[in-house]
Protein backbone atom coordinates (compact mmCIF):
# COMPACT_ATOMS: atom_id res chain seq x y z
CA MET A 1 24.67 22.21 -17.61
CA VAL A 2 20.98 21.16 -18.16
CA VAL A 3 19.23 19.24 -15.14
CA SER A 4 16.03 17.72 -15.69
CA CYS A 5 13.50 17.70 -13.10
CA SER A 6 12.02 14.51 -14.21
CA GLN A 7 14.85 12.10 -12.69
CA PRO A 8 14.17 10.00 -10.05
CA GLY A 9 14.10 11.40 -6.53
CA THR A 10 14.79 15.20 -8.08
CA GLY A 11 12.30 17.74 -7.81
CA GLN A 12 9.09 15.40 -7.36
CA ASN A 13 8.10 17.12 -4.20
CA THR A 14 4.64 19.00 -4.73
CA ASP A 15 4.97 20.64 -1.76
CA VAL A 16 7.40 23.36 -3.15
CA SER A 17 6.19 26.58 -3.78
CA LEU A 18 8.25 29.60 -6.06
CA GLU A 19 8.60 31.56 -3.06
CA SER A 20 10.13 28.41 -0.90
CA ALA A 21 12.02 27.45 -3.94
CA LYS A 22 13.73 30.72 -4.62
CA SER A 23 14.23 30.99 -0.96
CA LYS A 24 16.39 28.30 -0.55
CA VAL A 25 18.39 29.01 -3.26
CA MET A 26 19.07 32.79 -2.22
CA SER A 27 19.81 31.41 1.21
CA LEU A 28 22.40 28.92 0.30
CA GLU A 29 24.01 31.17 -1.94
CA GLN A 30 24.42 33.92 0.98
CA GLU A 31 25.33 30.88 3.12
CA ILE A 32 28.46 30.06 0.79
CA LEU A 33 29.43 33.61 0.17
CA GLY A 34 29.48 33.65 3.92
CA LEU A 35 32.60 31.17 3.95
CA LEU A 36 34.38 33.92 2.51
CA PRO A 37 36.87 36.09 5.10
CA GLU A 38 35.07 39.36 5.85
CA ASN A 39 38.01 41.26 5.03
CA ALA A 40 38.49 40.08 1.71
CA VAL A 41 35.02 40.41 0.57
CA LEU A 42 35.00 44.07 -1.99
CA SER A 43 31.62 43.74 -3.03
CA THR A 44 28.75 41.39 -3.19
CA PHE A 45 25.80 41.00 -5.83
CA ALA A 46 22.75 38.64 -6.12
CA HIS A 47 20.09 38.23 -8.78
CA ASP A 48 16.84 38.79 -6.70
CA THR A 49 14.59 38.07 -9.79
CA SER A 50 14.78 35.85 -12.92
CA SER A 51 12.92 34.23 -15.55
CA LEU A 52 11.54 30.70 -14.76
CA MET A 53 13.10 27.83 -16.48
CA PRO A 54 11.08 24.65 -17.72
CA CYS A 55 11.21 21.18 -15.70
CA ALA A 56 10.49 18.17 -18.03
CA GLY A 57 6.99 17.92 -18.90
CA GLY A 58 4.24 19.81 -17.87
CA ASP A 59 3.74 22.97 -15.90
CA ARG A 60 6.46 22.89 -13.99
CA ARG A 61 9.34 25.34 -13.54
CA LYS A 62 12.35 26.24 -11.75
CA TRP A 63 14.07 29.18 -10.39
CA THR A 64 17.40 30.14 -11.44
CA GLY A 65 19.84 32.82 -9.77
CA ASP A 66 23.04 33.73 -8.57
CA ALA A 67 25.32 35.17 -6.13
CA VAL A 68 28.96 36.86 -6.34
CA ALA A 69 31.27 38.46 -4.20
CA GLU A 70 34.25 39.90 -5.77
CA VAL A 71 37.52 39.36 -3.73
CA GLY A 72 41.05 41.14 -2.92
CA ALA A 73 43.97 39.30 -3.83
CA GLY A 74 45.29 36.77 -1.74
CA VAL A 75 41.97 34.63 -0.95
CA ASP A 76 42.91 30.73 -0.91
CA ARG A 77 40.47 29.59 -3.25
CA GLY A 78 41.02 25.88 -2.82
CA ALA A 79 40.48 26.25 1.08
CA ILE A 80 37.33 27.63 0.30
CA LEU A 81 36.28 25.86 -2.31
CA ASP A 82 37.47 22.87 0.33
CA GLU A 83 35.25 24.32 2.95
CA VAL A 84 32.06 24.33 0.71
CA VAL A 85 32.72 20.89 0.05
CA GLU A 86 33.00 20.28 3.69
CA LEU A 87 29.83 22.17 4.78
CA MET A 88 27.52 20.52 2.28
CA ALA A 89 28.70 16.77 2.16
CA ALA A 90 27.44 17.15 6.17
CA ARG A 91 24.19 17.82 5.41
CA ASP A 92 21.46 15.31 4.62
CA GLY A 93 20.44 15.18 0.92
CA TRP A 94 23.25 16.87 -0.76
CA LYS A 95 25.08 15.06 -3.22
CA VAL A 96 28.66 16.86 -3.91
CA GLU A 97 31.01 16.54 -6.54
CA ASP A 98 34.32 18.34 -6.91
CA GLY A 99 35.23 18.60 -10.53
CA ALA A 100 35.62 21.69 -13.15
CA THR A 101 33.97 24.45 -15.35
CA PRO A 102 34.84 23.95 -19.06
CA HIS A 103 37.96 26.36 -18.51
CA GLY A 104 39.39 24.20 -16.61
CA ALA A 105 38.90 26.26 -12.94
CA ARG A 106 37.78 23.97 -10.03
CA ARG A 107 34.03 23.56 -9.46
CA ILE A 108 32.07 22.33 -6.68
CA ASP A 109 28.58 20.83 -7.90
CA LEU A 110 25.99 20.38 -5.57
CA LEU A 111 22.82 18.56 -6.06
CA HIS A 112 19.71 18.06 -3.43
CA SER A 113 17.46 14.83 -3.67
CA ASP A 114 14.72 18.08 -3.97
CA GLY A 115 16.39 18.61 -7.28
CA THR A 116 18.00 22.07 -6.06
CA HIS A 117 21.44 22.17 -7.98
CA LEU A 118 23.92 24.81 -7.29
CA PHE A 119 27.47 25.53 -8.81
CA VAL A 120 30.17 27.42 -6.93
CA SER A 121 33.43 28.38 -8.60
CA PHE A 122 35.92 31.43 -8.49
CA GLU A 123 36.30 33.70 -11.57
CA ASP A 124 38.73 36.07 -12.90
CA GLY A 125 38.36 39.23 -13.75
CA PRO A 126 37.87 40.46 -11.52
CA GLU A 127 38.70 37.55 -8.61
CA SER A 128 35.24 36.67 -7.64
CA LEU A 129 33.28 33.50 -5.88
CA ARG A 130 30.37 32.77 -7.67
CA VAL A 131 27.31 30.41 -6.67
CA ALA A 132 24.87 29.85 -9.49
CA GLY A 133 21.76 27.65 -9.31
CA TYR A 134 18.53 26.24 -9.85
CA SER A 135 15.86 25.66 -7.37
CA ALA A 136 13.67 22.54 -6.91
CA CYS A 137 11.03 22.00 -9.57
CA PHE A 138 7.33 23.29 -8.97
CA ASP A 139 4.15 23.78 -10.16
CA PHE A 140 3.50 27.36 -12.13
CA PRO A 141 1.08 26.59 -14.57
CA GLU A 142 0.14 30.49 -15.37
CA TYR A 143 4.04 31.40 -16.30
CA GLU A 144 4.70 32.92 -19.21
CA TYR A 145 7.98 33.51 -20.89
CA GLY A 146 9.76 36.16 -19.82
CA GLU A 147 8.36 37.28 -16.80
CA GLU A 148 10.69 37.40 -13.67
CA TYR A 149 10.10 35.93 -10.14
């Protein structure tokens, strides 16, 4: 799914920097993974660098990232995803949609009014909870394609 930062009310805050945008995405990823029962988590991994993606028009960019927690058997996927919905729906500025991946698995789509966009779903092989997303758009005119931040 491609999200345009030119939509009204999404990503037009000029106070956003690369550092703050990246920090927000990574913090939310870790908070959501933290909903898993501690004894169910076998391992975690988070990308802390990424290429930047263009936003619509000009020199604006967004940071992309993901975090994954491999979990043991028996995790109640539905209950965890329900917790994500409840947590984020209670916060100002978040639009929460309960949908599905292209393969039919349940996926929670989280969109903040600043343009931050997260996708939360379970994957098989190995069983894991994945939180992937895009930051709000920010000015970054010096970006060269392929550089990671």
